[in-house]
N, C-alpha and C. Protein backbone atom coordinates (compact mmCIF):
# COMPACT_ATOMS: atom_id res chain seq x y z
N UNK A 1 -0.30 -16.46 -10.73
CA UNK A 1 0.22 -15.16 -10.38
C UNK A 1 1.02 -14.57 -11.55
N UNK A 2 1.70 -15.41 -12.30
CA UNK A 2 2.47 -14.92 -13.46
C UNK A 2 1.57 -14.21 -14.46
N UNK A 3 0.41 -14.78 -14.72
CA UNK A 3 -0.53 -14.16 -15.67
C UNK A 3 -0.97 -12.79 -15.18
N UNK A 4 -1.20 -12.67 -13.89
CA UNK A 4 -1.63 -11.41 -13.29
C UNK A 4 -0.55 -10.33 -13.48
N UNK A 5 0.69 -10.65 -13.14
CA UNK A 5 1.78 -9.68 -13.28
C UNK A 5 2.03 -9.36 -14.75
N UNK A 6 1.95 -10.34 -15.61
CA UNK A 6 2.13 -10.12 -17.04
C UNK A 6 1.05 -9.18 -17.59
N UNK A 7 -0.19 -9.42 -17.18
CA UNK A 7 -1.30 -8.56 -17.61
C UNK A 7 -1.08 -7.13 -17.13
N UNK A 8 -0.70 -6.96 -15.88
CA UNK A 8 -0.45 -5.62 -15.33
C UNK A 8 0.67 -4.93 -16.09
N UNK A 9 1.71 -5.65 -16.39
CA UNK A 9 2.84 -5.08 -17.12
C UNK A 9 2.43 -4.63 -18.52
N UNK A 10 1.74 -5.47 -19.24
CA UNK A 10 1.35 -5.16 -20.62
C UNK A 10 0.30 -4.05 -20.70
N UNK A 11 -0.51 -3.92 -19.67
CA UNK A 11 -1.61 -2.94 -19.69
C UNK A 11 -1.35 -1.71 -18.83
N UNK A 12 -0.11 -1.54 -18.41
CA UNK A 12 0.30 -0.36 -17.64
C UNK A 12 -0.55 -0.17 -16.39
N UNK A 13 -0.76 -1.26 -15.67
CA UNK A 13 -1.53 -1.24 -14.44
C UNK A 13 -0.57 -1.29 -13.26
N UNK A 14 -0.71 -0.35 -12.35
CA UNK A 14 0.12 -0.36 -11.15
C UNK A 14 -0.37 -1.41 -10.17
N UNK A 15 0.53 -1.87 -9.33
CA UNK A 15 0.19 -2.88 -8.33
C UNK A 15 0.64 -2.44 -6.94
N UNK A 16 -0.07 -2.94 -5.95
CA UNK A 16 0.44 -2.81 -4.59
C UNK A 16 0.68 -4.22 -4.11
N UNK A 17 1.32 -4.33 -3.00
CA UNK A 17 1.66 -5.67 -2.55
C UNK A 17 1.44 -5.85 -1.07
N UNK A 18 1.97 -6.92 -0.58
CA UNK A 18 1.91 -7.13 0.86
C UNK A 18 2.78 -6.09 1.55
N UNK A 19 2.63 -5.98 2.84
CA UNK A 19 3.50 -5.07 3.59
C UNK A 19 4.96 -5.41 3.33
N UNK A 20 5.80 -4.40 3.44
CA UNK A 20 7.23 -4.60 3.24
C UNK A 20 7.81 -5.21 4.52
N UNK A 21 8.21 -6.45 4.42
CA UNK A 21 8.91 -7.13 5.52
C UNK A 21 10.08 -7.87 4.87
N UNK A 22 11.26 -7.25 4.86
CA UNK A 22 12.39 -7.89 4.20
C UNK A 22 12.63 -9.32 4.68
N UNK A 23 12.84 -10.19 3.72
CA UNK A 23 13.22 -11.58 3.96
C UNK A 23 12.15 -12.42 4.65
N UNK A 24 10.91 -11.95 4.73
CA UNK A 24 9.85 -12.74 5.36
C UNK A 24 9.63 -14.00 4.53
N UNK A 25 9.81 -15.14 5.17
CA UNK A 25 9.82 -16.41 4.42
C UNK A 25 8.53 -16.65 3.63
N UNK A 26 7.39 -16.36 4.22
CA UNK A 26 6.13 -16.60 3.51
C UNK A 26 6.05 -15.79 2.22
N UNK A 27 6.44 -14.53 2.28
CA UNK A 27 6.37 -13.68 1.08
C UNK A 27 7.51 -13.97 0.10
N UNK A 28 8.65 -14.43 0.63
CA UNK A 28 9.77 -14.78 -0.25
C UNK A 28 9.40 -15.98 -1.12
N UNK A 29 8.42 -16.76 -0.67
CA UNK A 29 7.96 -17.92 -1.43
C UNK A 29 6.67 -17.63 -2.20
N UNK A 30 6.12 -16.43 -2.02
CA UNK A 30 4.81 -16.12 -2.59
C UNK A 30 4.91 -14.96 -3.57
N UNK A 31 4.60 -13.76 -3.14
CA UNK A 31 4.51 -12.62 -4.07
C UNK A 31 5.83 -11.91 -4.33
N UNK A 32 6.74 -11.89 -3.37
CA UNK A 32 7.98 -11.14 -3.56
C UNK A 32 8.75 -11.56 -4.82
N UNK A 33 8.85 -12.85 -5.15
CA UNK A 33 9.58 -13.21 -6.37
C UNK A 33 8.96 -12.61 -7.64
N UNK A 34 7.65 -12.45 -7.65
CA UNK A 34 7.00 -11.86 -8.82
C UNK A 34 7.31 -10.37 -8.92
N UNK A 35 7.27 -9.67 -7.79
CA UNK A 35 7.64 -8.26 -7.82
C UNK A 35 9.09 -8.10 -8.27
N UNK A 36 9.95 -8.99 -7.82
CA UNK A 36 11.36 -8.92 -8.22
C UNK A 36 11.50 -9.19 -9.71
N UNK A 37 10.83 -10.20 -10.21
CA UNK A 37 10.91 -10.57 -11.62
C UNK A 37 10.39 -9.45 -12.53
N UNK A 38 9.39 -8.72 -12.06
CA UNK A 38 8.78 -7.65 -12.87
C UNK A 38 9.29 -6.26 -12.49
N UNK A 39 10.36 -6.22 -11.72
CA UNK A 39 10.95 -4.93 -11.33
C UNK A 39 11.34 -4.16 -12.59
N UNK A 40 10.88 -2.91 -12.68
CA UNK A 40 11.16 -2.09 -13.85
C UNK A 40 10.21 -2.31 -15.01
N UNK A 41 9.33 -3.30 -14.90
CA UNK A 41 8.37 -3.59 -15.97
C UNK A 41 6.96 -3.13 -15.63
N UNK A 42 6.75 -2.76 -14.38
CA UNK A 42 5.43 -2.28 -13.94
C UNK A 42 5.50 -0.76 -13.82
N UNK A 43 4.45 -0.08 -14.26
CA UNK A 43 4.45 1.38 -14.22
C UNK A 43 4.49 1.93 -12.81
N UNK A 44 3.86 1.22 -11.88
CA UNK A 44 3.80 1.69 -10.50
C UNK A 44 3.73 0.50 -9.56
N UNK A 45 4.55 0.55 -8.52
CA UNK A 45 4.48 -0.43 -7.43
C UNK A 45 4.47 0.36 -6.13
N UNK A 46 3.39 0.22 -5.38
CA UNK A 46 3.24 0.91 -4.10
C UNK A 46 3.09 -0.13 -3.00
N UNK A 47 3.83 0.08 -1.92
CA UNK A 47 3.79 -0.85 -0.79
C UNK A 47 3.85 -0.05 0.51
N UNK A 48 3.60 -0.74 1.61
CA UNK A 48 3.53 -0.04 2.90
C UNK A 48 4.40 -0.69 3.97
N UNK A 49 4.81 0.16 4.91
CA UNK A 49 5.41 -0.29 6.17
C UNK A 49 4.43 0.15 7.24
N UNK A 50 3.78 -0.81 7.88
CA UNK A 50 2.75 -0.48 8.87
C UNK A 50 3.25 -0.75 10.28
N UNK A 51 2.43 -0.34 11.25
CA UNK A 51 2.84 -0.39 12.65
C UNK A 51 3.44 -1.71 13.12
N UNK A 52 2.78 -2.84 12.93
CA UNK A 52 3.39 -4.08 13.45
C UNK A 52 4.76 -4.36 12.84
N UNK A 53 4.91 -4.00 11.57
CA UNK A 53 6.16 -4.27 10.86
C UNK A 53 7.33 -3.53 11.49
N UNK A 54 7.06 -2.39 12.10
CA UNK A 54 8.13 -1.60 12.71
C UNK A 54 8.81 -2.33 13.87
N UNK A 55 8.17 -3.35 14.40
CA UNK A 55 8.73 -4.10 15.53
C UNK A 55 9.44 -5.38 15.08
N UNK A 56 9.39 -5.70 13.81
CA UNK A 56 9.97 -6.95 13.32
C UNK A 56 11.50 -6.90 13.35
N UNK A 57 12.09 -8.06 13.53
CA UNK A 57 13.54 -8.18 13.64
C UNK A 57 14.14 -8.69 12.33
N UNK A 58 15.22 -8.06 11.94
CA UNK A 58 15.96 -8.49 10.76
C UNK A 58 16.66 -9.80 11.12
N UNK A 59 16.38 -10.88 10.41
CA UNK A 59 17.00 -12.16 10.75
C UNK A 59 18.52 -12.17 10.56
N UNK A 60 19.01 -11.24 9.75
CA UNK A 60 20.45 -11.18 9.50
C UNK A 60 21.20 -10.44 10.60
N UNK A 61 20.58 -9.38 11.16
CA UNK A 61 21.26 -8.56 12.17
C UNK A 61 20.76 -8.83 13.59
N UNK A 62 19.61 -9.46 13.70
CA UNK A 62 18.95 -9.72 14.99
C UNK A 62 18.51 -8.43 15.68
N UNK A 63 18.39 -7.35 14.91
CA UNK A 63 17.93 -6.05 15.41
C UNK A 63 16.70 -5.64 14.61
N UNK A 64 15.96 -4.67 15.13
CA UNK A 64 14.80 -4.15 14.39
C UNK A 64 15.26 -3.61 13.04
N UNK A 65 14.42 -3.80 12.03
CA UNK A 65 14.74 -3.26 10.71
C UNK A 65 14.88 -1.75 10.80
N UNK A 66 15.82 -1.20 10.05
CA UNK A 66 15.98 0.24 9.97
C UNK A 66 15.18 0.77 8.78
N UNK A 67 14.99 2.07 8.76
CA UNK A 67 14.31 2.70 7.62
C UNK A 67 15.06 2.38 6.33
N UNK A 68 16.37 2.45 6.39
CA UNK A 68 17.18 2.18 5.20
C UNK A 68 17.00 0.73 4.71
N UNK A 69 16.90 -0.22 5.64
CA UNK A 69 16.70 -1.62 5.24
C UNK A 69 15.34 -1.82 4.57
N UNK A 70 14.30 -1.20 5.14
CA UNK A 70 12.98 -1.28 4.51
C UNK A 70 13.02 -0.68 3.11
N UNK A 71 13.59 0.52 3.01
CA UNK A 71 13.63 1.24 1.74
C UNK A 71 14.45 0.49 0.69
N UNK A 72 15.64 0.05 1.07
CA UNK A 72 16.50 -0.68 0.12
C UNK A 72 15.82 -1.95 -0.39
N UNK A 73 15.21 -2.70 0.51
CA UNK A 73 14.55 -3.94 0.10
C UNK A 73 13.38 -3.63 -0.84
N UNK A 74 12.57 -2.64 -0.46
CA UNK A 74 11.40 -2.29 -1.28
C UNK A 74 11.80 -1.82 -2.67
N UNK A 75 12.79 -0.95 -2.74
CA UNK A 75 13.19 -0.39 -4.03
C UNK A 75 14.02 -1.37 -4.85
N UNK A 76 15.03 -1.96 -4.23
CA UNK A 76 16.00 -2.78 -4.97
C UNK A 76 15.53 -4.21 -5.23
N UNK A 77 14.80 -4.79 -4.29
CA UNK A 77 14.35 -6.17 -4.46
C UNK A 77 12.95 -6.27 -5.06
N UNK A 78 12.09 -5.33 -4.68
CA UNK A 78 10.68 -5.42 -5.09
C UNK A 78 10.29 -4.41 -6.16
N UNK A 79 11.14 -3.43 -6.43
CA UNK A 79 10.83 -2.44 -7.45
C UNK A 79 9.79 -1.41 -7.05
N UNK A 80 9.64 -1.17 -5.75
CA UNK A 80 8.63 -0.21 -5.28
C UNK A 80 9.00 1.21 -5.69
N UNK A 81 8.00 1.94 -6.19
CA UNK A 81 8.15 3.36 -6.53
C UNK A 81 7.66 4.24 -5.39
N UNK A 82 6.69 3.74 -4.65
CA UNK A 82 6.07 4.50 -3.56
C UNK A 82 6.04 3.62 -2.32
N UNK A 83 6.44 4.21 -1.19
CA UNK A 83 6.36 3.50 0.09
C UNK A 83 5.48 4.33 1.02
N UNK A 84 4.43 3.72 1.52
CA UNK A 84 3.58 4.36 2.51
C UNK A 84 4.10 3.95 3.89
N UNK A 85 4.28 4.94 4.77
CA UNK A 85 4.80 4.69 6.11
C UNK A 85 3.71 4.89 7.14
N UNK A 86 3.69 4.04 8.14
CA UNK A 86 2.77 4.20 9.27
C UNK A 86 3.06 5.54 9.94
N UNK A 87 2.02 6.19 10.42
CA UNK A 87 2.21 7.48 11.10
C UNK A 87 2.96 7.33 12.41
N UNK A 88 3.12 6.12 12.91
CA UNK A 88 3.88 5.93 14.15
C UNK A 88 5.36 5.71 13.88
N UNK A 89 5.77 5.78 12.63
CA UNK A 89 7.18 5.63 12.30
C UNK A 89 7.96 6.71 13.03
N UNK A 90 8.98 6.33 13.81
CA UNK A 90 9.72 7.31 14.62
C UNK A 90 10.23 8.51 13.83
N UNK A 91 10.72 8.31 12.64
CA UNK A 91 11.27 9.45 11.88
C UNK A 91 10.20 10.47 11.50
N UNK A 92 8.95 10.06 11.45
CA UNK A 92 7.88 10.99 11.10
C UNK A 92 7.46 11.85 12.29
N UNK A 93 7.91 11.50 13.47
CA UNK A 93 7.54 12.26 14.67
C UNK A 93 8.57 13.32 15.01
N UNK A 94 9.64 13.40 14.24
CA UNK A 94 10.70 14.37 14.53
C UNK A 94 10.30 15.76 14.10
């Protein structure tokens, strides 16, 4: 995976990743560390918050993740430039 991220960084290739699920243990051990390590070194990082993710619980608060928690994690931890939101996101229905 390091070679892949290094190649993308050197060749100005944008990447997308797994869905944004803050603190998800599987991703914290897999791709998230690479996005964090290459934060600011990739020209573009695009990720999504999809329908099932909207029901996930924050292990720290024991409540559903807020829009701010998704956004902060994506931007600050993963270096996301673009976040795609599911059309069922409550704030999009206002």
